[in-house]
Amino acid sequence: MLVSIVRVALNQPYTFVVMALLLLILGPLAALRMPTDIFPAIRIPVIAVAFSYTGLPPDQMSGRICTLFQRGLTTTVNDIEHIEANSYTGICIIKIFFQPGVNISIANAQVTAAAQVSVRQMPPNTTPPLILNYNAATVPVLQLALAGQGMSEQQLFDAGVNMVRPQLVTVPGVAIPWPYGGKQRIVQIDIDPIALQSRGLSAQDVASTLAAQNVAIPVGSQKIGEFEYAMRLNNIVTQIAELNDLPIRSVGGSTIYVRDVANVHDGNAPQTSIVSVDGGRSVLLSVLKNGSASTLSIVSGVREKLDQMRAALPEQLAVTPINDQSIFVRAAVTGVAVEGVIAAALTSLMILLFLGS
């Protein structure tokens, strides 16, 4: 077989010279148009569903919420390849993998409809889940470490969620999940059981007071003379400390306030992850590749956006990119380019030798 190819090449020399020249010209063009990324586009769509119910233990999350929702998925959603689920304290995350080539828009609509039906059968006050679209090639390409001298973990978490994350998601192809580390800021009420018992109250009385005396009511406006004024009632507290002054009940002419049986303060939810940078507590944001955008464009876009937003961030806040995967992609592209140049040089040399002979 090899001898016959050589014989044809000797009989038709100009044909093979033209083919070599075409390879020499088209090769670099093909290399320039070649997609460069960590992984190829994997057409396996994934929909992630996250339920939350504060305070519910993992076994209850699994039995009352996660399993119930999965059972409904198998009867109302088409083309499911497999389902993965994890339950934590107050959180249940379900990943639904679909068959390749499925219409993700229809799948998303079916999952959303199934979630709305399942919520009715879950514990009272269960909120609808957060539904996100991914694919199998959605992988971390960059991580951002947030640290700041004198900033608490709550402040770092707030900066990551409310300042850094909303602006970075505008970069094409970027998906940023919830941060790792830090403390999620919440208004926390620490109830004193002994104080409640001594006054004949329960925790439900405190909850009822907050529900009844901190209600948002639309008021509208009032026209006085030639001006129209926006009106506002004082039925909503504007400072966390004001919640301590809400009256619960009047007993024997004396009023029992929230501060008498509880302490309302700026607190945080139970911390589930810790991130350290240079020995200090920090917050970590993972930048995921989503869609058809390349790793190189995503990383360069994130770095450019960080440079633009640094002036608006707190002065002591430092956002440091780490684990940059574009370094490996660029190294691989450089290696391919070098090999292509060497191959082109050898091909040119062979053509010259052949023409010279």
Foldseek 3Di string as FASTA:
>chain_A
DVVVVVVVCVVVVVVVLVVLVCCLVVVVVCLVPDDFADDPDDQKKKKKKKWFDAQAAQVCCCPQPVVLLVVLCVVQAPQFPDKDWGGHHGMIMIMTIGDGPDDVVVRVVRSQVSQVVSVVRGPPPTDGIDMDMFGPQWDFQKKKKKDFVPDALQRQQCCVVPPQVVLLVVQPQKDWDRKFAGFHKDWDKAFAVVLQVVVVHDVVLLVVLCVVQADDDQDAWDDDDPDIGHDDDPSHDDDQQVQQAGWRDADPNRTDGSVRGIDIDTDGDDHDGFDDDPRHTIMMITIIGGDDDHLVSSVVSSVVSCVVCVVVGDPRMDIDMDNRNVVVSVVVSVVVVVVSVVVSVVSVVVSVVVVVD
